[in-house]
Amino acid sequence: MRILHTSDWHLGRAFHRESLLAAQAAFVDHLVETVREERVDVVAVAGDVYDRALPPVDAVALLDEALARLTGAGARVVLISGNHDSALRLRFGSALFESAGVHVRCAPERAWEPVLVDGVAFYGIPYLEPELVRAPWELPDRSHTAAITYAMDRVRADAARHRAAVVLSHCFVTGGQASDSERDISVGGVAHVPLAAFDGVDYVALGHLHGRQRMSETVRYSGSPLAYSFSETGQVKGSWLVTLGQGSGAEFVPAPVPRPVGRLRGELEWLLADPRHAAVEDHWLQVTLTDSVRPKAAMDRLRARFPHTLALSFDPADAAPAAQPARLSGRPEAEVALDFVREVRGEPAAPEEEDLLRRAIEASRTKETMA
């Protein structure tokens, strides 16, 4: 059996206000072509199909087209919801989709209900918000580890009846490398799930982290199909083509790159004159200027040579470290909010205030998951 493992499409996402819909459509074209050329049996989509709970209509239309084309090319599709998706909305029509070969798993209680394809059992564990499953599952604590462990114990019990088992899961496995474009999912400051939680199955298709990663021979992140932050500069995007049975293994299939991303740093005149930067003139760029005096019309001058410059910041070479602003992108919401409290009050939040703030952020995230 051949499985194409992909995740984190984030349909509808923009990159510094630049629409990515055409690039995401090109990725769908690439997936369909790969399914045909490699005779893929199952496409496993490990969550964050959309970028937000209420996706724009053109993103919904693209998913509709993608599912029709993938099944038309001869593959079954198993798809789970991620922390960016609304589980209730994504699973609309899922009972009808089953007969067409599209298997959507968004309900936690269906995580150990397999999709059977030629004797191989596929288990879809959607993003599990610990607060939502703690009471019904009688978990010992409110954590991602407890939620995943509960689901995997039941998956393993059912998988013993089948020839092989594949799990889709959207979570943060300990040891994974994050980027600036994933939304924080920590509960009580802890977001990680131990790798051992996924023991006992033939392959685990992970979603959530945007860089491809091999956690073990059988547990992998495919990463996002496109770069969604400048921290992903240099990453190779694509999908894992996994073979089960004779000749089992996994190879990475690179995805098309509509426009590379890159970073430049230095004084403005040097950046504009140095011929070595010709290779990135067509890239989406994040530029940091180190001039001691902020140049006039810096963005306009940069775009004369680098027309796709999207982000500009200033970091004078002779500035004191304390003058630099705190990094916001990619940091947990609670840390940013606590830094704000410290800045405006001149002292950190009290422990009870910090607890209240964290619970408010988690409640907001839970509400969005249920939207």
Protein backbone atom coordinates (compact mmCIF):
# COMPACT_ATOMS: atom_id res chain seq x y z
CA MET A 1 0.00 0.00 0.00
CA ARG A 2 1.18 3.53 -0.83
CA ILE A 3 0.23 6.46 1.40
CA LEU A 4 0.83 10.14 0.73
CA HIS A 5 1.20 11.92 4.07
CA THR A 6 0.53 15.66 4.01
CA SER A 7 -0.71 18.23 6.53
CA ASP A 8 -1.08 21.88 7.50
CA TRP A 9 -2.48 23.18 4.23
CA HIS A 10 -3.86 26.28 5.99
CA LEU A 11 -6.13 27.06 3.06
CA GLY A 12 -7.06 30.73 3.07
CA ARG A 13 -3.88 31.91 4.74
CA ALA A 14 -2.04 35.03 3.59
CA PHE A 15 1.67 35.71 3.89
CA HIS A 16 2.22 39.26 5.10
CA ARG A 17 -1.01 40.24 3.26
CA GLU A 18 0.03 38.41 0.09
CA SER A 19 -2.62 35.90 -1.00
CA LEU A 20 -1.38 32.32 -1.14
CA LEU A 21 -4.47 30.82 -2.74
CA ALA A 22 -2.87 30.40 -6.18
CA ALA A 23 0.17 28.74 -4.60
CA GLN A 24 -2.09 26.44 -2.56
CA ALA A 25 -3.99 25.54 -5.74
CA ALA A 26 -0.66 24.68 -7.40
CA PHE A 27 0.09 22.39 -4.46
CA VAL A 28 -3.23 20.61 -5.01
CA ASP A 29 -2.24 20.13 -8.67
CA HIS A 30 1.04 18.62 -7.47
CA LEU A 31 -0.75 16.25 -5.06
CA VAL A 32 -3.10 15.01 -7.77
CA GLU A 33 -0.20 14.45 -10.16
CA THR A 34 1.73 12.56 -7.45
CA VAL A 35 -1.29 10.35 -6.70
CA ARG A 36 -1.52 9.39 -10.38
CA GLU A 37 2.19 8.91 -11.04
CA GLU A 38 2.95 7.02 -7.80
CA ARG A 39 -0.33 5.08 -7.72
CA VAL A 40 -1.12 6.31 -4.24
CA ASP A 41 -3.83 4.38 -2.41
CA VAL A 42 -4.54 6.77 0.45
CA VAL A 43 -3.89 10.48 0.97
CA ALA A 44 -3.56 11.19 4.72
CA VAL A 45 -4.16 14.84 5.66
CA ALA A 46 -3.07 15.37 9.27
CA GLY A 47 -5.00 18.48 10.22
CA ASP A 48 -5.05 22.28 9.84
CA VAL A 49 -6.80 21.98 6.52
CA TYR A 50 -8.00 25.57 6.89
CA ASP A 51 -6.19 28.48 8.48
CA ARG A 52 -9.09 29.53 10.68
CA ALA A 53 -12.37 28.28 12.05
CA LEU A 54 -14.36 30.42 9.58
CA PRO A 55 -12.45 29.97 6.29
CA PRO A 56 -13.05 32.28 3.33
CA VAL A 57 -15.31 30.95 0.60
CA ASP A 58 -12.51 30.57 -1.94
CA ALA A 59 -10.61 28.34 0.51
CA VAL A 60 -13.71 26.16 0.97
CA ALA A 61 -14.06 25.93 -2.81
CA LEU A 62 -10.41 24.86 -3.14
CA LEU A 63 -10.85 22.06 -0.59
CA ASP A 64 -13.98 20.89 -2.37
CA GLU A 65 -12.04 20.77 -5.64
CA ALA A 66 -9.05 19.05 -4.02
CA LEU A 67 -11.12 16.22 -2.52
CA ALA A 68 -12.96 15.60 -5.78
CA ARG A 69 -9.74 15.51 -7.81
CA LEU A 70 -7.83 13.29 -5.36
CA THR A 71 -10.59 10.69 -5.27
CA GLY A 72 -11.00 11.03 -9.03
CA ALA A 73 -7.31 10.17 -9.39
CA GLY A 74 -7.96 6.87 -7.60
CA ALA A 75 -7.01 7.60 -3.96
CA ARG A 76 -9.02 7.41 -0.76
CA VAL A 77 -8.65 10.45 1.52
CA VAL A 78 -8.44 10.29 5.31
CA LEU A 79 -8.54 13.75 6.86
CA ILE A 80 -8.54 15.04 10.44
CA SER A 81 -9.12 18.45 11.96
CA GLY A 82 -6.28 20.47 13.47
CA ASN A 83 -6.17 23.24 16.06
CA HIS A 84 -6.86 25.89 13.38
CA ASP A 85 -9.97 24.10 12.07
CA SER A 86 -13.49 24.18 13.39
CA ALA A 87 -14.15 20.49 13.95
CA LEU A 88 -17.92 20.98 13.68
CA ARG A 89 -17.73 22.80 10.37
CA LEU A 90 -15.06 20.61 8.79
CA ARG A 91 -17.03 17.44 9.42
CA PHE A 92 -20.19 18.77 7.72
CA GLY A 93 -21.35 16.14 5.23
CA SER A 94 -18.80 13.59 6.43
CA ALA A 95 -21.34 10.75 6.62
CA LEU A 96 -22.16 11.27 2.95
CA PHE A 97 -18.50 11.63 1.96
CA GLU A 98 -17.69 8.13 3.21
CA SER A 99 -19.25 6.48 0.15
CA ALA A 100 -17.15 8.71 -2.10
CA GLY A 101 -13.90 7.64 -0.44
CA VAL A 102 -13.37 10.74 1.73
CA HIS A 103 -13.15 9.89 5.43
CA VAL A 104 -13.26 12.91 7.74
CA ARG A 105 -12.42 12.37 11.40
CA CYS A 106 -13.09 15.40 13.60
CA ALA A 107 -14.94 13.87 16.57
CA PRO A 108 -12.65 12.71 19.41
CA GLU A 109 -14.87 9.72 20.19
CA ARG A 110 -14.30 8.33 16.68
CA ALA A 111 -10.50 8.34 17.00
CA TRP A 112 -10.35 4.57 17.49
CA GLU A 113 -12.97 3.83 14.81
CA PRO A 114 -10.84 2.68 11.85
CA VAL A 115 -11.15 3.42 8.16
CA LEU A 116 -10.35 0.09 6.50
CA VAL A 117 -8.53 0.13 3.17
CA ASP A 118 -7.40 -3.25 1.82
CA GLY A 119 -6.94 -4.65 5.33
CA VAL A 120 -5.03 -1.60 6.64
CA ALA A 121 -6.73 0.32 9.46
CA PHE A 122 -6.44 4.12 9.43
CA TYR A 123 -7.17 5.88 12.72
CA GLY A 124 -7.80 9.63 12.68
CA ILE A 125 -7.03 11.35 15.98
CA PRO A 126 -8.07 14.98 15.48
CA TYR A 127 -6.58 17.80 17.48
CA LEU A 128 -7.65 17.03 21.05
CA GLU A 129 -8.29 20.09 23.20
CA PRO A 130 -7.62 18.64 26.68
CA GLU A 131 -10.34 20.68 28.38
CA LEU A 132 -13.00 19.21 26.06
CA VAL A 133 -12.11 15.54 26.55
CA ARG A 134 -10.96 15.51 30.18
CA ALA A 135 -14.40 14.94 31.73
CA PRO A 136 -15.94 12.51 29.22
CA TRP A 137 -12.76 10.44 29.10
CA GLU A 138 -12.11 10.76 32.86
CA LEU A 139 -8.50 11.76 32.24
CA PRO A 140 -6.12 11.94 35.20
CA ASP A 141 -5.09 15.49 34.28
CA ARG A 142 -5.76 18.25 31.76
CA SER A 143 -2.90 17.66 29.31
CA HIS A 144 -2.19 16.71 25.72
CA THR A 145 -0.25 13.67 26.92
CA ALA A 146 -3.24 12.33 28.84
CA ALA A 147 -5.59 12.88 25.89
CA ILE A 148 -3.32 11.27 23.27
CA THR A 149 -2.46 8.36 25.59
CA TYR A 150 -6.15 7.61 26.16
CA ALA A 151 -6.89 7.64 22.42
CA MET A 152 -3.82 5.58 21.50
CA ASP A 153 -4.57 2.91 24.11
CA ARG A 154 -7.90 2.31 22.38
CA VAL A 155 -6.35 2.50 18.92
CA ARG A 156 -3.81 -0.19 19.85
CA ALA A 157 -6.56 -2.42 21.27
CA ASP A 158 -8.51 -2.22 18.01
CA ALA A 159 -5.44 -2.38 15.75
CA ALA A 160 -4.61 -5.88 17.01
CA ARG A 161 -7.49 -7.13 14.85
CA HIS A 162 -6.03 -5.77 11.60
CA ARG A 163 -3.13 -6.48 9.27
CA ALA A 164 -1.54 -3.05 9.71
CA ALA A 165 -2.37 0.24 11.40
CA VAL A 166 -1.76 3.88 10.43
CA VAL A 167 -2.51 6.78 12.78
CA LEU A 168 -3.10 10.42 11.86
CA SER A 169 -2.59 12.87 14.74
CA HIS A 170 -2.33 16.63 15.14
CA CYS A 171 -0.11 17.44 18.12
CA PHE A 172 3.35 18.57 19.25
CA VAL A 173 5.63 15.56 19.86
CA THR A 174 8.53 16.10 22.24
CA GLY A 175 11.73 16.85 20.32
CA GLY A 176 9.97 18.44 17.36
CA GLN A 177 11.32 21.71 15.98
CA ALA A 178 8.78 24.53 15.84
CA SER A 179 8.73 27.60 13.61
CA ASP A 180 7.16 31.03 14.02
CA SER A 181 3.98 30.11 12.12
CA GLU A 182 2.39 27.48 14.39
CA ARG A 183 -0.25 28.58 16.88
CA ASP A 184 0.65 27.81 20.49
CA ILE A 185 -1.33 24.86 21.92
CA SER A 186 0.24 24.68 25.38
CA VAL A 187 -1.96 23.90 28.36
CA GLY A 188 -0.54 25.07 31.67
CA GLY A 189 2.68 25.84 29.81
CA VAL A 190 3.01 22.30 28.43
CA ALA A 191 2.29 21.41 24.79
CA HIS A 192 4.35 18.28 24.20
CA VAL A 193 3.39 14.62 23.84
CA PRO A 194 6.10 11.95 24.28
CA LEU A 195 7.08 9.97 21.21
CA ALA A 196 6.44 6.71 23.09
CA ALA A 197 2.72 7.52 23.14
CA PHE A 198 2.60 6.41 19.49
CA ASP A 199 4.30 3.03 19.93
CA GLY A 200 2.67 -0.09 18.54
CA VAL A 201 1.44 1.00 15.09
CA ASP A 202 2.99 0.78 11.65
CA TYR A 203 3.05 4.48 10.76
CA VAL A 204 2.07 7.78 12.38
CA ALA A 205 1.30 10.74 10.11
CA LEU A 206 1.73 13.85 12.24
CA GLY A 207 0.52 17.39 11.67
CA HIS A 208 1.01 20.73 13.47
CA LEU A 209 4.72 21.50 13.03
CA HIS A 210 5.47 23.19 9.70
CA GLY A 211 8.89 21.72 8.98
CA ARG A 212 9.28 18.13 7.76
CA GLN A 213 10.71 15.98 10.55
CA ARG A 214 11.46 12.34 11.19
CA MET A 215 10.77 11.67 14.86
CA SER A 216 11.47 7.95 14.29
CA GLU A 217 11.38 5.56 11.36
CA THR A 218 7.61 5.28 11.70
CA VAL A 219 6.63 8.68 13.17
CA ARG A 220 6.99 11.75 10.93
CA TYR A 221 5.81 15.29 10.32
CA SER A 222 5.21 16.17 6.69
CA GLY A 223 5.28 19.89 7.41
CA SER A 224 3.27 22.54 5.59
CA PRO A 225 3.22 22.63 1.78
CA LEU A 226 4.33 26.29 1.74
CA ALA A 227 6.44 28.51 3.95
CA TYR A 228 4.15 30.47 6.25
CA SER A 229 6.84 32.45 8.08
CA PHE A 230 10.36 33.68 7.40
CA SER A 231 11.62 31.27 10.07
CA GLU A 232 10.97 28.54 7.47
CA THR A 233 13.57 29.96 5.08
CA GLY A 234 15.58 27.08 3.62
CA GLN A 235 13.04 24.37 4.47
CA VAL A 236 12.13 21.88 1.74
CA LYS A 237 8.36 21.58 1.58
CA GLY A 238 6.39 18.56 0.41
CA SER A 239 4.88 15.24 1.49
CA TRP A 240 6.03 11.80 2.64
CA LEU A 241 5.34 8.92 0.25
CA VAL A 242 5.05 5.92 2.56
CA THR A 243 5.05 2.28 1.45
CA LEU A 244 3.62 -0.42 3.72
CA GLY A 245 4.31 -4.08 3.11
CA GLN A 246 6.95 -5.32 0.69
CA GLY A 247 9.65 -2.69 0.22
CA SER A 248 8.29 -0.64 3.10
CA GLY A 249 9.81 2.77 3.76
CA ALA A 250 9.26 6.48 3.18
CA GLU A 251 10.62 9.00 0.71
CA PHE A 252 10.05 12.73 0.63
CA VAL A 253 8.34 14.23 -2.40
CA PRO A 254 9.22 17.94 -2.74
CA ALA A 255 6.40 20.33 -3.56
CA PRO A 256 6.58 23.16 -6.12
CA VAL A 257 7.91 26.47 -4.81
CA PRO A 258 5.86 29.35 -6.22
CA ARG A 259 8.13 31.96 -4.67
CA PRO A 260 10.99 31.25 -2.25
CA VAL A 261 11.33 33.14 1.03
CA GLY A 262 14.52 34.67 2.32
CA ARG A 263 16.13 37.05 4.79
CA LEU A 264 18.59 39.88 4.27
CA ARG A 265 20.44 41.91 6.88
CA GLY A 266 22.80 44.84 6.50
CA GLU A 267 23.07 48.53 5.67
CA LEU A 268 20.74 49.74 2.94
CA GLU A 269 23.37 50.94 0.45
CA TRP A 270 25.25 47.65 0.71
CA LEU A 271 22.09 45.62 0.16
CA LEU A 272 21.20 47.68 -2.91
CA ALA A 273 24.67 47.48 -4.47
CA ASP A 274 26.07 44.03 -3.67
CA PRO A 275 25.72 41.71 -6.71
CA ARG A 276 25.69 38.65 -4.45
CA HIS A 277 22.05 39.40 -3.60
CA ALA A 278 20.89 38.91 -7.19
CA ALA A 279 19.82 35.34 -6.36
CA VAL A 280 17.08 36.57 -4.01
CA GLU A 281 15.69 39.43 -6.08
CA ASP A 282 12.55 37.38 -6.87
CA HIS A 283 12.09 36.10 -3.28
CA TRP A 284 9.62 37.18 -0.66
CA LEU A 285 12.01 38.92 1.72
CA GLN A 286 12.32 39.93 5.33
CA VAL A 287 14.91 42.71 5.49
CA THR A 288 16.64 44.02 8.62
CA LEU A 289 18.53 47.29 8.16
CA THR A 290 21.50 47.95 10.42
CA ASP A 291 22.13 51.59 9.47
CA SER A 292 22.92 53.77 12.49
CA VAL A 293 20.46 56.37 11.14
CA ARG A 294 17.16 55.14 9.72
CA PRO A 295 17.27 55.71 5.93
CA LYS A 296 14.52 57.71 4.26
CA ALA A 297 12.04 55.85 2.03
CA ALA A 298 13.79 52.60 2.88
CA MET A 299 10.98 50.28 1.73
CA ASP A 300 10.55 52.06 -1.61
CA ARG A 301 14.28 51.93 -2.28
CA LEU A 302 14.47 48.25 -1.34
CA ARG A 303 11.55 47.35 -3.58
CA ALA A 304 13.26 49.02 -6.53
CA ARG A 305 15.71 46.09 -6.45
CA PHE A 306 13.76 43.53 -4.38
CA PRO A 307 10.14 44.05 -5.48
CA HIS A 308 8.77 41.33 -3.18
CA THR A 309 10.09 42.72 0.10
CA LEU A 310 7.31 42.11 2.61
CA ALA A 311 8.77 42.86 6.04
CA LEU A 312 11.19 45.59 7.09
CA SER A 313 12.74 46.17 10.49
CA PHE A 314 15.59 48.25 11.88
CA ASP A 315 18.37 47.01 14.13
CA PRO A 316 21.16 49.61 14.26
CA ALA A 317 24.53 47.98 14.71
CA ASP A 318 25.43 50.37 17.54
CA ALA A 319 22.11 50.15 19.43
CA ALA A 320 22.05 48.88 22.98
CA PRO A 321 20.42 45.45 23.34
CA ALA A 322 17.81 46.87 25.71
CA ALA A 323 16.49 49.12 22.95
CA GLN A 324 15.38 46.17 20.83
CA PRO A 325 11.67 45.20 20.94
CA ALA A 326 10.67 41.78 22.22
CA ARG A 327 9.90 39.19 19.55
CA LEU A 328 6.17 38.54 19.23
CA SER A 329 5.86 36.18 16.27
CA GLY A 330 5.67 32.52 17.22
CA ARG A 331 5.56 33.14 20.98
CA PRO A 332 2.72 31.74 23.14
CA GLU A 333 -0.12 34.23 23.60
CA ALA A 334 0.22 34.06 27.37
CA GLU A 335 3.88 35.08 27.28
CA VAL A 336 3.12 38.08 25.07
CA ALA A 337 0.26 39.17 27.33
CA LEU A 338 2.37 38.76 30.47
CA ASP A 339 5.15 40.84 28.89
CA PHE A 340 2.56 43.55 28.22
CA VAL A 341 1.43 43.52 31.86
CA ARG A 342 5.06 43.80 32.98
CA GLU A 343 5.68 46.68 30.57
CA VAL A 344 2.67 48.82 31.52
CA ARG A 345 2.78 48.15 35.27
CA GLY A 346 6.51 47.99 35.76
CA GLU A 347 6.19 44.68 37.60
CA PRO A 348 5.17 41.13 36.66
CA ALA A 349 1.67 39.77 37.08
CA ALA A 350 0.89 38.09 40.39
CA PRO A 351 0.64 34.27 40.30
CA GLU A 352 -3.16 34.36 40.56
CA GLU A 353 -3.31 36.93 37.72
CA GLU A 354 -1.05 34.79 35.55
CA ASP A 355 -3.26 31.75 36.19
CA LEU A 356 -6.40 33.74 35.32
CA LEU A 357 -4.82 35.02 32.10
CA ARG A 358 -3.73 31.56 30.99
CA ARG A 359 -7.17 30.09 31.71
CA ALA A 360 -8.83 32.90 29.74
CA ILE A 361 -6.60 32.22 26.71
CA GLU A 362 -7.26 28.48 26.89
CA ALA A 363 -11.02 29.11 27.21
CA SER A 364 -10.91 31.30 24.11
CA ARG A 365 -9.08 28.59 22.18
CA THR A 366 -11.59 25.97 23.36
CA LYS A 367 -14.49 28.15 22.24
CA GLU A 368 -12.92 28.52 18.77
CA THR A 369 -12.43 24.76 18.50
CA MET A 370 -16.14 24.24 19.20
CA ALA A 371 -17.27 27.01 16.83
